[in-house]
Amino acid sequence: MLLSHITESENNMVKQQFDIGTYFTIKYYADKHSKTITRRAKWTEDCLVGTHKVHKYPYIKYFDVDANGIRCASKSWEILEVRK
């Protein structure tokens, strides 16, 4: 499933966005950096879209290609580009 922009309500219905191995660019506001950031990402078997159990906001776990590790975007994000 390809979504160019995902809202909170849509996010709750999505279980997996991409096939394993799909590369994409994700943009979201990062509290840690106090600004909007853009990251190159890859969908792996560790990635998922879910809802926080306590606070009930949506989140996406993705593999950050440049940082070589799993990262998380929460509440809202935008998928800018998808490539195989």
C-alpha atoms as a PDB file:
ATOM      1  CA  MET A   1       0.000   0.000   0.000  1.00  0.00           C
ATOM      2  CA  LEU A   2       1.388   3.398  -0.945  1.00  0.00           C
ATOM      3  CA  LEU A   3       0.361   6.501   0.947  1.00  0.00           C
ATOM      4  CA  SER A   4       1.851   9.870   0.067  1.00  0.00           C
ATOM      5  CA  HIS A   5       0.586  11.416   3.298  1.00  0.00           C
ATOM      6  CA  ILE A   6      -0.815   9.589   6.261  1.00  0.00           C
ATOM      7  CA  THR A   7      -3.130  11.146   8.837  1.00  0.00           C
ATOM      8  CA  GLU A   8      -3.741   9.923  12.362  1.00  0.00           C
ATOM      9  CA  SER A   9      -7.095   8.343  11.534  1.00  0.00           C
ATOM     10  CA  GLU A  10      -5.757   6.646   8.395  1.00  0.00           C
ATOM     11  CA  ASN A  11      -2.686   5.523  10.289  1.00  0.00           C
ATOM     12  CA  ASN A  12      -4.724   3.499  12.775  1.00  0.00           C
ATOM     13  CA  MET A  13      -6.026   1.328   9.938  1.00  0.00           C
ATOM     14  CA  VAL A  14      -2.658   0.644   8.266  1.00  0.00           C
ATOM     15  CA  LYS A  15      -0.749  -2.443   9.432  1.00  0.00           C
ATOM     16  CA  GLN A  16       2.091  -2.472   6.880  1.00  0.00           C
ATOM     17  CA  GLN A  17       2.813   0.270   4.405  1.00  0.00           C
ATOM     18  CA  PHE A  18       5.387  -1.318   2.107  1.00  0.00           C
ATOM     19  CA  ASP A  19       6.903  -4.564   0.933  1.00  0.00           C
ATOM     20  CA  ILE A  20      10.122  -5.604   2.691  1.00  0.00           C
ATOM     21  CA  GLY A  21      13.101  -3.937   0.999  1.00  0.00           C
ATOM     22  CA  THR A  22      11.223  -0.848  -0.206  1.00  0.00           C
ATOM     23  CA  TYR A  23      13.116   2.448   0.134  1.00  0.00           C
ATOM     24  CA  PHE A  24      11.286   5.691   0.901  1.00  0.00           C
ATOM     25  CA  THR A  25      11.791   9.210   2.198  1.00  0.00           C
ATOM     26  CA  ILE A  26       9.975  10.234   5.364  1.00  0.00           C
ATOM     27  CA  LYS A  27       9.437  13.743   6.717  1.00  0.00           C
ATOM     28  CA  TYR A  28       8.200  14.573  10.224  1.00  0.00           C
ATOM     29  CA  TYR A  29       8.609  16.935  13.168  1.00  0.00           C
ATOM     30  CA  ALA A  30      11.193  15.567  15.599  1.00  0.00           C
ATOM     31  CA  ASP A  31      10.847  16.766  19.189  1.00  0.00           C
ATOM     32  CA  LYS A  32      14.435  15.655  19.806  1.00  0.00           C
ATOM     33  CA  HIS A  33      15.707  18.142  17.204  1.00  0.00           C
ATOM     34  CA  SER A  34      12.906  20.727  17.631  1.00  0.00           C
ATOM     35  CA  LYS A  35      12.431  20.887  13.868  1.00  0.00           C
ATOM     36  CA  THR A  36      11.051  19.059  10.842  1.00  0.00           C
ATOM     37  CA  ILE A  37      13.484  16.469   9.511  1.00  0.00           C
ATOM     38  CA  THR A  38      13.674  14.347   6.388  1.00  0.00           C
ATOM     39  CA  ARG A  39      15.224  10.876   6.423  1.00  0.00           C
ATOM     40  CA  ARG A  40      16.063   8.207   3.829  1.00  0.00           C
ATOM     41  CA  ALA A  41      14.440   4.998   5.019  1.00  0.00           C
ATOM     42  CA  LYS A  42      14.018   1.335   4.194  1.00  0.00           C
ATOM     43  CA  TRP A  43      11.110  -0.934   5.138  1.00  0.00           C
ATOM     44  CA  THR A  44      12.464  -4.048   6.905  1.00  0.00           C
ATOM     45  CA  GLU A  45      10.941  -6.915   8.869  1.00  0.00           C
ATOM     46  CA  ASP A  46      11.408  -4.806  12.047  1.00  0.00           C
ATOM     47  CA  CYS A  47       9.323  -1.905  10.707  1.00  0.00           C
ATOM     48  CA  LEU A  48       5.698  -1.311  11.590  1.00  0.00           C
ATOM     49  CA  VAL A  49       2.904   1.210  11.910  1.00  0.00           C
ATOM     50  CA  GLY A  50       1.084   1.149  15.219  1.00  0.00           C
ATOM     51  CA  THR A  51      -0.714   3.041  17.965  1.00  0.00           C
ATOM     52  CA  HIS A  52       0.921   3.934  21.271  1.00  0.00           C
ATOM     53  CA  LYS A  53      -0.660   1.731  23.951  1.00  0.00           C
ATOM     54  CA  VAL A  54      -0.894   4.435  26.636  1.00  0.00           C
ATOM     55  CA  HIS A  55      -1.163   7.760  24.781  1.00  0.00           C
ATOM     56  CA  LYS A  56      -3.052   6.386  21.729  1.00  0.00           C
ATOM     57  CA  TYR A  57      -1.158   8.389  19.085  1.00  0.00           C
ATOM     58  CA  PRO A  58       0.031   6.729  15.858  1.00  0.00           C
ATOM     59  CA  TYR A  59       3.678   5.965  15.123  1.00  0.00           C
ATOM     60  CA  ILE A  60       5.840   4.404  12.443  1.00  0.00           C
ATOM     61  CA  LYS A  61       9.035   2.444  13.092  1.00  0.00           C
ATOM     62  CA  TYR A  62      11.395   2.572  10.113  1.00  0.00           C
ATOM     63  CA  PHE A  63      15.009   1.747   9.293  1.00  0.00           C
ATOM     64  CA  ASP A  64      17.086   4.931   8.879  1.00  0.00           C
ATOM     65  CA  VAL A  65      19.484   4.203   5.996  1.00  0.00           C
ATOM     66  CA  ASP A  66      21.999   6.935   6.888  1.00  0.00           C
ATOM     67  CA  ALA A  67      22.079   6.256  10.645  1.00  0.00           C
ATOM     68  CA  ASN A  68      21.978   2.470  10.067  1.00  0.00           C
ATOM     69  CA  GLY A  69      19.330   1.870  12.703  1.00  0.00           C
ATOM     70  CA  ILE A  70      15.656   1.788  13.612  1.00  0.00           C
ATOM     71  CA  ARG A  71      13.963   5.154  14.220  1.00  0.00           C
ATOM     72  CA  CYS A  72      10.424   6.170  15.118  1.00  0.00           C
ATOM     73  CA  ALA A  73       8.177   8.992  13.938  1.00  0.00           C
ATOM     74  CA  SER A  74       5.054   9.652  15.954  1.00  0.00           C
ATOM     75  CA  LYS A  75       1.761  11.505  15.657  1.00  0.00           C
ATOM     76  CA  SER A  76       2.089  12.499  11.980  1.00  0.00           C
ATOM     77  CA  TRP A  77       4.494  12.138   9.081  1.00  0.00           C
ATOM     78  CA  GLU A  78       4.658  12.417   5.330  1.00  0.00           C
ATOM     79  CA  ILE A  79       6.040   9.873   2.863  1.00  0.00           C
ATOM     80  CA  LEU A  80       7.672  11.911   0.084  1.00  0.00           C
ATOM     81  CA  GLU A  81       9.181   9.339  -2.285  1.00  0.00           C
ATOM     82  CA  VAL A  82       8.994   5.569  -2.670  1.00  0.00           C
ATOM     83  CA  ARG A  83      11.375   3.406  -4.700  1.00  0.00           C
ATOM     84  CA  LYS A  84      12.191  -0.291  -4.906  1.00  0.00           C
END
